[in-house]
Amino acid sequence: MAAANPPSISQQPYFLRALYEWCVDSGLTPYLSVRVDHRTRVPQGYVKDGQIVLSLGPSAVRNLNMDNEWVTFSARFGGVSHAIEIPIANVLAIYARETGEGMGFSGEAGEDAGEKPNEIGAVPALVGTGGDEPPKPPRGRPQLRVVK
């Protein structure tokens, strides 16, 4: 009798948690680039071109939870607290603000959460981060490079 294939488990939430921990342990600020759709709960006034970039720094968020399906936390935007809910499949990248090192993920609309990450590398650093307002997301597709 042939053994059944076990269900496929996405690697993405494991990579997200590991890279978040690496950023924090290294004294860097973890940023999350997110594709916004009807399931994503973020302040719509900060969404540009269907995407948003969020700081996950320990001083910027409260009650951060990254499970295998969702990233949830509360954060302040313009002095107002918001509950943030992001499906794991909508995370496009996680990276350190200061260095751009991190990981990008496949994030085209309609893809399953089980998609494998594309490349490990650096995402361009963002400019204009200050105050309670999140940084503007980079235009176009992220340019990633392999880091050894």
Protein backbone atom coordinates (compact mmCIF):
# COMPACT_ATOMS: atom_id res chain seq x y z
CA MET A 1 0.00 0.00 0.00
CA ALA A 2 1.42 3.41 -0.99
CA ALA A 3 1.75 6.08 1.67
CA ALA A 4 -0.45 9.15 1.21
CA ASN A 5 1.27 12.49 0.67
CA PRO A 6 1.06 14.67 3.78
CA PRO A 7 -0.75 17.98 3.34
CA SER A 8 1.48 20.77 2.07
CA ILE A 9 2.30 23.34 4.74
CA SER A 10 3.41 26.79 3.62
CA GLN A 11 6.95 27.77 4.60
CA GLN A 12 6.12 31.48 4.46
CA PRO A 13 4.86 31.96 8.05
CA TYR A 14 7.96 30.19 9.39
CA PHE A 15 10.26 32.45 7.34
CA LEU A 16 8.29 35.52 8.49
CA ARG A 17 8.68 34.62 12.16
CA ALA A 18 12.37 33.77 11.77
CA LEU A 19 13.23 36.98 9.90
CA TYR A 20 11.21 39.09 12.34
CA GLU A 21 13.17 37.57 15.22
CA TRP A 22 16.48 38.07 13.38
CA CYS A 23 15.68 41.76 12.79
CA VAL A 24 14.73 42.39 16.41
CA ASP A 25 17.70 40.44 17.80
CA SER A 26 20.01 42.42 15.47
CA GLY A 27 18.61 45.76 16.65
CA LEU A 28 17.01 46.39 13.23
CA THR A 29 13.46 47.50 12.41
CA PRO A 30 11.40 44.83 10.65
CA TYR A 31 9.18 46.15 7.85
CA LEU A 32 6.38 44.24 6.16
CA SER A 33 5.30 44.95 2.58
CA VAL A 34 1.69 43.83 2.10
CA ARG A 35 -0.72 43.42 -0.82
CA VAL A 36 -4.06 44.87 0.32
CA ASP A 37 -7.32 43.15 -0.67
CA HIS A 38 -10.79 42.66 0.83
CA ARG A 39 -9.43 40.38 3.58
CA THR A 40 -6.68 42.78 4.70
CA ARG A 41 -7.61 45.08 7.58
CA VAL A 42 -5.39 48.19 7.48
CA PRO A 43 -6.12 51.94 7.48
CA GLN A 44 -7.13 52.51 3.84
CA GLY A 45 -5.80 56.08 3.84
CA TYR A 46 -2.25 54.68 3.92
CA VAL A 47 -2.70 52.21 1.04
CA LYS A 48 -0.98 53.16 -2.23
CA ASP A 49 -1.39 51.17 -5.44
CA GLY A 50 -2.97 48.28 -3.53
CA GLN A 51 0.00 47.92 -1.16
CA ILE A 52 1.08 49.13 2.24
CA VAL A 53 4.41 49.00 4.11
CA LEU A 54 4.19 48.56 7.87
CA SER A 55 6.79 48.85 10.59
CA LEU A 56 6.74 45.85 12.94
CA GLY A 57 9.28 47.35 15.33
CA PRO A 58 8.56 46.43 18.95
CA SER A 59 7.95 50.10 19.79
CA ALA A 60 5.56 50.51 16.83
CA VAL A 61 3.16 47.61 17.46
CA ARG A 62 1.30 45.95 20.30
CA ASN A 63 0.07 42.39 20.65
CA LEU A 64 1.88 41.13 17.56
CA ASN A 65 0.85 37.61 16.57
CA MET A 66 2.17 35.72 13.54
CA ASP A 67 0.46 32.38 13.16
CA ASN A 68 0.33 30.18 10.07
CA GLU A 69 -2.64 32.05 8.55
CA TRP A 70 -2.57 35.68 9.81
CA VAL A 71 -0.34 38.49 11.04
CA THR A 72 -2.29 40.56 13.58
CA PHE A 73 -1.36 43.48 15.82
CA SER A 74 -2.45 46.95 16.83
CA ALA A 75 -0.61 50.09 15.75
CA ARG A 76 -1.09 53.83 15.76
CA PHE A 77 -1.60 55.78 12.55
CA GLY A 78 -1.83 59.54 12.94
CA GLY A 79 -2.23 59.04 16.69
CA VAL A 80 -5.23 56.71 16.30
CA SER A 81 -4.95 53.03 17.29
CA HIS A 82 -5.98 50.49 14.62
CA ALA A 83 -6.36 46.71 14.69
CA ILE A 84 -4.33 45.29 11.78
CA GLU A 85 -5.11 41.90 10.20
CA ILE A 86 -3.05 40.57 7.29
CA PRO A 87 -3.44 37.17 5.64
CA ILE A 88 -0.04 35.47 5.41
CA ALA A 89 -0.59 34.98 1.67
CA ASN A 90 -0.73 38.80 1.24
CA VAL A 91 2.74 39.41 2.69
CA LEU A 92 5.03 40.41 -0.18
CA ALA A 93 8.25 40.87 1.82
CA ILE A 94 9.77 41.23 5.27
CA TYR A 95 13.02 43.14 5.58
CA ALA A 96 15.16 45.31 7.84
CA ARG A 97 14.54 49.03 7.28
CA GLU A 98 18.14 49.94 7.96
CA THR A 99 19.82 47.45 5.60
CA GLY A 100 17.10 46.26 3.22
CA GLU A 101 18.06 42.65 3.98
CA GLY A 102 15.15 40.26 4.10
CA MET A 103 12.99 38.02 1.97
CA GLY A 104 10.41 38.59 -0.75
CA PHE A 105 7.51 36.25 -1.38
CA SER A 106 5.29 35.52 -4.36
CA GLY A 107 2.37 37.83 -3.91
CA GLU A 108 0.32 37.95 -7.08
CA ALA A 109 -3.44 38.11 -6.62
CA GLY A 110 -5.05 34.70 -6.53
CA GLU A 111 -1.99 32.72 -5.46
CA ASP A 112 -2.30 30.19 -2.70
CA ALA A 113 -0.71 30.69 0.68
CA GLY A 114 1.37 27.62 -0.11
CA GLU A 115 3.52 29.42 -2.68
CA LYS A 116 7.24 29.22 -2.05
CA PRO A 117 9.26 32.41 -1.56
CA ASN A 118 11.01 33.61 -4.69
CA GLU A 119 14.42 34.96 -3.71
CA ILE A 120 16.26 35.74 -0.55
CA GLY A 121 17.79 39.16 -0.69
CA ALA A 122 17.47 42.84 -0.11
CA VAL A 123 14.52 45.09 -0.74
CA PRO A 124 15.25 48.74 -1.52
CA ALA A 125 15.41 50.92 1.58
CA LEU A 126 12.50 53.27 2.09
CA VAL A 127 12.82 57.00 2.38
CA GLY A 128 10.69 59.43 4.37
CA THR A 129 9.98 57.40 7.47
CA GLY A 130 9.00 59.54 10.38
CA GLY A 131 6.32 60.22 12.94
CA ASP A 132 3.30 57.95 13.22
CA GLU A 133 2.86 57.79 9.46
CA PRO A 134 4.09 54.57 7.81
CA PRO A 135 6.61 54.90 4.98
CA LYS A 136 5.50 55.02 1.38
CA PRO A 137 5.75 51.63 -0.37
CA PRO A 138 8.35 51.31 -3.13
CA ARG A 139 7.02 51.64 -6.68
CA GLY A 140 7.05 48.65 -8.99
CA ARG A 141 8.21 45.16 -8.16
CA PRO A 142 10.87 44.83 -5.46
CA GLN A 143 14.35 44.26 -6.80
CA LEU A 144 15.84 41.41 -4.77
CA ARG A 145 19.38 40.11 -4.77
CA VAL A 146 20.86 36.93 -3.32
CA VAL A 147 22.72 37.51 -0.05
CA LYS A 148 25.39 34.98 0.94
